[in-house]
PDB file of all heavy atoms in Angstrom:
ATOM      1  N   TYR A   1       0.823  -1.188   0.030  1.00  0.00           N
ATOM      2  CA  TYR A   1       0.024   0.010  -0.006  1.00  0.00           C
ATOM      3  C   TYR A   1       0.866   1.252   0.015  1.00  0.00           C
ATOM      4  O   TYR A   1       0.692   2.190  -0.826  1.00  0.00           O
ATOM      5  CB  TYR A   1      -0.928   0.002   1.236  1.00  0.00           C
ATOM      6  CG  TYR A   1      -1.571   1.353   1.456  1.00  0.00           C
ATOM      7  CD1 TYR A   1      -2.661   1.817   0.611  1.00  0.00           C
ATOM      8  CD2 TYR A   1      -1.179   2.154   2.513  1.00  0.00           C
ATOM      9  CE1 TYR A   1      -3.158   3.052   0.866  1.00  0.00           C
ATOM     10  CE2 TYR A   1      -1.711   3.419   2.692  1.00  0.00           C
ATOM     11  CZ  TYR A   1      -2.742   3.832   1.906  1.00  0.00           C
ATOM     12  OH  TYR A   1      -3.311   5.112   2.070  1.00  0.00           O
ATOM     13  N   ILE A   2       1.890   1.303   0.879  1.00  0.00           N
ATOM     14  CA  ILE A   2       2.719   2.524   1.015  1.00  0.00           C
ATOM     15  C   ILE A   2       3.557   2.731  -0.248  1.00  0.00           C
ATOM     16  O   ILE A   2       3.612   3.836  -0.786  1.00  0.00           O
ATOM     17  CB  ILE A   2       3.679   2.425   2.228  1.00  0.00           C
ATOM     18  CG1 ILE A   2       2.882   2.310   3.528  1.00  0.00           C
ATOM     19  CG2 ILE A   2       4.650   3.607   2.328  1.00  0.00           C
ATOM     20  CD1 ILE A   2       2.090   3.555   3.925  1.00  0.00           C
ATOM     21  N   ALA A   3       4.101   1.631  -0.806  1.00  0.00           N
ATOM     22  CA  ALA A   3       4.880   1.723  -2.006  1.00  0.00           C
ATOM     23  C   ALA A   3       4.041   2.265  -3.132  1.00  0.00           C
ATOM     24  O   ALA A   3       4.489   3.088  -3.942  1.00  0.00           O
ATOM     25  CB  ALA A   3       5.509   0.404  -2.360  1.00  0.00           C
ATOM     26  N   GLY A   4       2.810   1.749  -3.253  1.00  0.00           N
ATOM     27  CA  GLY A   4       1.858   2.193  -4.283  1.00  0.00           C
ATOM     28  C   GLY A   4       1.537   3.664  -4.205  1.00  0.00           C
ATOM     29  O   GLY A   4       1.521   4.367  -5.175  1.00  0.00           O
ATOM     30  N   GLU A   5       1.217   4.099  -2.900  1.00  0.00           N
ATOM     31  CA  GLU A   5       0.874   5.506  -2.667  1.00  0.00           C
ATOM     32  C   GLU A   5       2.063   6.407  -3.021  1.00  0.00           C
ATOM     33  O   GLU A   5       1.893   7.514  -3.528  1.00  0.00           O
ATOM     34  CB  GLU A   5       0.442   5.710  -1.191  1.00  0.00           C
ATOM     35  CG  GLU A   5      -0.924   5.147  -0.908  1.00  0.00           C
ATOM     36  CD  GLU A   5      -2.004   5.796  -1.687  1.00  0.00           C
ATOM     37  OE1 GLU A   5      -2.178   7.020  -1.601  1.00  0.00           O
ATOM     38  OE2 GLU A   5      -2.791   5.096  -2.420  1.00  0.00           O
ATOM     39  N   ILE A   6       3.261   5.955  -2.656  1.00  0.00           N
ATOM     40  CA  ILE A   6       4.489   6.744  -2.965  1.00  0.00           C
ATOM     41  C   ILE A   6       4.650   6.943  -4.500  1.00  0.00           C
ATOM     42  O   ILE A   6       4.938   8.052  -5.009  1.00  0.00           O
ATOM     43  CB  ILE A   6       5.721   6.120  -2.315  1.00  0.00           C
ATOM     44  CG1 ILE A   6       5.737   6.292  -0.833  1.00  0.00           C
ATOM     45  CG2 ILE A   6       7.023   6.672  -2.957  1.00  0.00           C
ATOM     46  CD1 ILE A   6       6.791   5.552  -0.103  1.00  0.00           C
ATOM     47  N   LYS A   7       4.436   5.809  -5.208  1.00  0.00           N
ATOM     48  CA  LYS A   7       4.537   5.883  -6.647  1.00  0.00           C
ATOM     49  C   LYS A   7       3.544   6.840  -7.268  1.00  0.00           C
ATOM     50  O   LYS A   7       3.906   7.635  -8.126  1.00  0.00           O
ATOM     51  CB  LYS A   7       4.292   4.484  -7.235  1.00  0.00           C
ATOM     52  CG  LYS A   7       4.974   4.244  -8.577  1.00  0.00           C
ATOM     53  CD  LYS A   7       5.088   2.768  -8.925  1.00  0.00           C
ATOM     54  CE  LYS A   7       5.936   2.622 -10.187  1.00  0.00           C
ATOM     55  NZ  LYS A   7       6.173   1.228 -10.550  1.00  0.00           N
ATOM     56  N   LYS A   8       2.317   6.840  -6.720  1.00  0.00           N
ATOM     57  CA  LYS A   8       1.267   7.834  -7.172  1.00  0.00           C
ATOM     58  C   LYS A   8       1.701   9.247  -6.917  1.00  0.00           C
ATOM     59  O   LYS A   8       1.554  10.165  -7.757  1.00  0.00           O
ATOM     60  CB  LYS A   8      -0.068   7.523  -6.442  1.00  0.00           C
ATOM     61  CG  LYS A   8      -0.836   6.395  -7.001  1.00  0.00           C
ATOM     62  CD  LYS A   8      -2.162   6.271  -6.256  1.00  0.00           C
ATOM     63  CE  LYS A   8      -2.680   4.820  -6.226  1.00  0.00           C
ATOM     64  NZ  LYS A   8      -3.789   4.696  -5.267  1.00  0.00           N
ATOM     65  N   SER A   9       2.236   9.476  -5.716  1.00  0.00           N
ATOM     66  CA  SER A   9       2.715  10.842  -5.337  1.00  0.00           C
ATOM     67  C   SER A   9       3.739  11.399  -6.238  1.00  0.00           C
ATOM     68  O   SER A   9       3.784  12.520  -6.644  1.00  0.00           O
ATOM     69  CB  SER A   9       3.162  10.865  -3.871  1.00  0.00           C
ATOM     70  OG  SER A   9       2.173  10.565  -2.970  1.00  0.00           O
ATOM     71  N   ILE A  10       4.727  10.472  -6.556  1.00  0.00           N
ATOM     72  CA  ILE A  10       5.865  10.824  -7.428  1.00  0.00           C
ATOM     73  C   ILE A  10       5.329  11.188  -8.816  1.00  0.00           C
ATOM     74  O   ILE A  10       5.709  12.221  -9.443  1.00  0.00           O
ATOM     75  CB  ILE A  10       6.963   9.795  -7.470  1.00  0.00           C
ATOM     76  CG1 ILE A  10       7.575   9.704  -6.050  1.00  0.00           C
ATOM     77  CG2 ILE A  10       8.007  10.120  -8.546  1.00  0.00           C
ATOM     78  CD1 ILE A  10       8.598   8.562  -5.888  1.00  0.00           C
ATOM     79  N   ARG A  11       4.372  10.322  -9.236  1.00  0.00           N
ATOM     80  CA  ARG A  11       3.825  10.592 -10.605  1.00  0.00           C
ATOM     81  C   ARG A  11       3.023  11.893 -10.664  1.00  0.00           C
ATOM     82  O   ARG A  11       2.976  12.602 -11.705  1.00  0.00           O
ATOM     83  CB  ARG A  11       2.844   9.462 -11.002  1.00  0.00           C
ATOM     84  CG  ARG A  11       3.554   8.232 -11.539  1.00  0.00           C
ATOM     85  CD  ARG A  11       2.511   7.154 -11.899  1.00  0.00           C
ATOM     86  NE  ARG A  11       3.186   5.926 -12.361  1.00  0.00           N
ATOM     87  CZ  ARG A  11       2.605   4.724 -12.254  1.00  0.00           C
ATOM     88  NH1 ARG A  11       1.369   4.629 -11.749  1.00  0.00           N
ATOM     89  NH2 ARG A  11       3.210   3.661 -12.690  1.00  0.00           N
ATOM     90  N   SER A  12       2.441  12.256  -9.496  1.00  0.00           N
ATOM     91  CA  SER A  12       1.669  13.570  -9.508  1.00  0.00           C
ATOM     92  C   SER A  12       2.496  14.784  -9.260  1.00  0.00           C
ATOM     93  O   SER A  12       1.995  15.880  -9.079  1.00  0.00           O
ATOM     94  CB  SER A  12       0.543  13.444  -8.502  1.00  0.00           C
ATOM     95  OG  SER A  12       1.074  13.344  -7.187  1.00  0.00           O
ATOM     96  N   GLY A  13       3.850  14.605  -9.196  1.00  0.00           N
ATOM     97  CA  GLY A  13       4.743  15.736  -9.140  1.00  0.00           C
ATOM     98  C   GLY A  13       5.506  15.940  -7.837  1.00  0.00           C
ATOM     99  O   GLY A  13       6.353  16.812  -7.740  1.00  0.00           O
ATOM    100  N   THR A  14       5.274  15.133  -6.795  1.00  0.00           N
ATOM    101  CA  THR A  14       6.006  15.250  -5.513  1.00  0.00           C
ATOM    102  C   THR A  14       7.415  14.682  -5.730  1.00  0.00           C
ATOM    103  O   THR A  14       7.500  13.530  -6.183  1.00  0.00           O
ATOM    104  CB  THR A  14       5.317  14.596  -4.331  1.00  0.00           C
ATOM    105  OG1 THR A  14       3.964  15.059  -4.313  1.00  0.00           O
ATOM    106  CG2 THR A  14       5.976  14.873  -3.051  1.00  0.00           C
ATOM    107  N   LYS A  15       8.444  15.382  -5.340  1.00  0.00           N
ATOM    108  CA  LYS A  15       9.802  14.791  -5.436  1.00  0.00           C
ATOM    109  C   LYS A  15       9.986  13.695  -4.444  1.00  0.00           C
ATOM    110  O   LYS A  15       9.418  13.756  -3.339  1.00  0.00           O
ATOM    111  CB  LYS A  15      10.802  15.878  -5.179  1.00  0.00           C
ATOM    112  CG  LYS A  15      10.926  16.950  -6.294  1.00  0.00           C
ATOM    113  CD  LYS A  15      12.007  17.967  -5.869  1.00  0.00           C
ATOM    114  CE  LYS A  15      12.048  19.107  -6.882  1.00  0.00           C
ATOM    115  NZ  LYS A  15      12.987  20.164  -6.442  1.00  0.00           N
ATOM    116  N   ALA A  16      10.675  12.643  -4.840  1.00  0.00           N
ATOM    117  CA  ALA A  16      10.906  11.501  -3.996  1.00  0.00           C
ATOM    118  C   ALA A  16      11.528  11.900  -2.621  1.00  0.00           C
ATOM    119  O   ALA A  16      11.177  11.431  -1.554  1.00  0.00           O
ATOM    120  CB  ALA A  16      11.809  10.503  -4.676  1.00  0.00           C
ATOM    121  N   GLU A  17      12.419  12.861  -2.710  1.00  0.00           N
ATOM    122  CA  GLU A  17      13.132  13.313  -1.424  1.00  0.00           C
ATOM    123  C   GLU A  17      12.305  14.137  -0.530  1.00  0.00           C
ATOM    124  O   GLU A  17      12.630  14.468   0.636  1.00  0.00           O
ATOM    125  CB  GLU A  17      14.466  14.032  -1.727  1.00  0.00           C
ATOM    126  CG  GLU A  17      14.324  15.217  -2.612  1.00  0.00           C
ATOM    127  CD  GLU A  17      14.572  14.900  -4.092  1.00  0.00           C
ATOM    128  OE1 GLU A  17      14.228  13.805  -4.569  1.00  0.00           O
ATOM    129  OE2 GLU A  17      15.045  15.828  -4.758  1.00  0.00           O
ATOM    130  N   ASP A  18      11.071  14.547  -1.022  1.00  0.00           N
ATOM    131  CA  ASP A  18      10.103  15.313  -0.197  1.00  0.00           C
ATOM    132  C   ASP A  18       9.064  14.354   0.448  1.00  0.00           C
ATOM    133  O   ASP A  18       8.113  14.833   1.010  1.00  0.00           O
ATOM    134  CB  ASP A  18       9.384  16.321  -1.031  1.00  0.00           C
ATOM    135  CG  ASP A  18      10.256  17.543  -1.367  1.00  0.00           C
ATOM    136  OD1 ASP A  18      11.200  17.748  -0.655  1.00  0.00           O
ATOM    137  OD2 ASP A  18       9.990  18.257  -2.362  1.00  0.00           O
ATOM    138  N   ILE A  19       9.328  13.072   0.345  1.00  0.00           N
ATOM    139  CA  ILE A  19       8.457  12.053   0.912  1.00  0.00           C
ATOM    140  C   ILE A  19       9.167  11.320   1.995  1.00  0.00           C
ATOM    141  O   ILE A  19      10.359  10.856   1.761  1.00  0.00           O
ATOM    142  CB  ILE A  19       7.958  11.051  -0.104  1.00  0.00           C
ATOM    143  CG1 ILE A  19       7.148  11.756  -1.223  1.00  0.00           C
ATOM    144  CG2 ILE A  19       7.115   9.933   0.532  1.00  0.00           C
ATOM    145  CD1 ILE A  19       6.877  10.900  -2.461  1.00  0.00           C
ATOM    146  N   ALA A  20       8.591  11.149   3.233  1.00  0.00           N
ATOM    147  CA  ALA A  20       9.267  10.388   4.247  1.00  0.00           C
ATOM    148  C   ALA A  20       8.335   9.277   4.812  1.00  0.00           C
ATOM    149  O   ALA A  20       7.076   9.516   4.846  1.00  0.00           O
ATOM    150  CB  ALA A  20       9.653  11.340   5.383  1.00  0.00           C
ATOM    151  N   VAL A  21       8.922   8.183   5.103  1.00  0.00           N
ATOM    152  CA  VAL A  21       8.217   7.107   5.792  1.00  0.00           C
ATOM    153  C   VAL A  21       8.852   6.989   7.166  1.00  0.00           C
ATOM    154  O   VAL A  21      10.063   6.752   7.268  1.00  0.00           O
ATOM    155  CB  VAL A  21       8.291   5.765   5.029  1.00  0.00           C
ATOM    156  CG1 VAL A  21       7.474   4.739   5.781  1.00  0.00           C
ATOM    157  CG2 VAL A  21       7.803   5.938   3.612  1.00  0.00           C
ATOM    158  N   LEU A  22       8.051   7.136   8.208  1.00  0.00           N
ATOM    159  CA  LEU A  22       8.518   7.142   9.591  1.00  0.00           C
ATOM    160  C   LEU A  22       8.073   5.862  10.372  1.00  0.00           C
ATOM    161  O   LEU A  22       6.925   5.398  10.084  1.00  0.00           O
ATOM    162  CB  LEU A  22       8.091   8.350  10.389  1.00  0.00           C
ATOM    163  CG  LEU A  22       8.441   9.729   9.686  1.00  0.00           C
ATOM    164  CD1 LEU A  22       7.934  10.852  10.571  1.00  0.00           C
ATOM    165  CD2 LEU A  22       9.843   9.854   9.379  1.00  0.00           C
ATOM    166  N   PHE A  23       8.889   5.344  11.258  1.00  0.00           N
ATOM    167  CA  PHE A  23       8.549   4.185  11.980  1.00  0.00           C
ATOM    168  C   PHE A  23       9.158   4.234  13.365  1.00  0.00           C
ATOM    169  O   PHE A  23      10.132   5.058  13.570  1.00  0.00           O
ATOM    170  CB  PHE A  23       9.043   2.885  11.252  1.00  0.00           C
ATOM    171  CG  PHE A  23      10.253   3.099  10.450  1.00  0.00           C
ATOM    172  CD1 PHE A  23      11.507   3.017  11.005  1.00  0.00           C
ATOM    173  CD2 PHE A  23      10.127   3.438   9.075  1.00  0.00           C
ATOM    174  CE1 PHE A  23      12.648   3.222  10.208  1.00  0.00           C
ATOM    175  CE2 PHE A  23      11.316   3.608   8.315  1.00  0.00           C
ATOM    176  CZ  PHE A  23      12.564   3.505   8.884  1.00  0.00           C
ATOM    177  N   ARG A  24       8.643   3.397  14.256  1.00  0.00           N
ATOM    178  CA  ARG A  24       9.076   3.474  15.681  1.00  0.00           C
ATOM    179  C   ARG A  24      10.506   2.834  15.769  1.00  0.00           C
ATOM    180  O   ARG A  24      11.362   3.394  16.465  1.00  0.00           O
ATOM    181  CB  ARG A  24       8.062   2.751  16.582  1.00  0.00           C
ATOM    182  CG  ARG A  24       8.415   2.719  18.080  1.00  0.00           C
ATOM    183  CD  ARG A  24       8.466   4.149  18.638  1.00  0.00           C
ATOM    184  NE  ARG A  24       8.754   4.152  20.089  1.00  0.00           N
ATOM    185  CZ  ARG A  24       9.955   4.043  20.552  1.00  0.00           C
ATOM    186  NH1 ARG A  24      11.042   3.900  19.788  1.00  0.00           N
ATOM    187  NH2 ARG A  24      10.166   4.136  21.870  1.00  0.00           N
ATOM    188  N   THR A  25      10.739   1.720  15.187  1.00  0.00           N
ATOM    189  CA  THR A  25      12.075   1.089  15.341  1.00  0.00           C
ATOM    190  C   THR A  25      12.515   0.699  13.889  1.00  0.00           C
ATOM    191  O   THR A  25      11.706   0.383  13.069  1.00  0.00           O
ATOM    192  CB  THR A  25      12.059  -0.225  16.173  1.00  0.00           C
ATOM    193  OG1 THR A  25      11.154  -1.202  15.584  1.00  0.00           O
ATOM    194  CG2 THR A  25      11.576   0.033  17.628  1.00  0.00           C
TER     195      THR A  25
END
C-alpha cells in the first residue's frame, strides 16, 4: 500500500526526497 501511494505521489509531481516514511524502530 505505502509503495503504491508513494509511486502515485511521485507521478503527480512530488519529489521523492520530499516524501518520508517514519517508523518506531
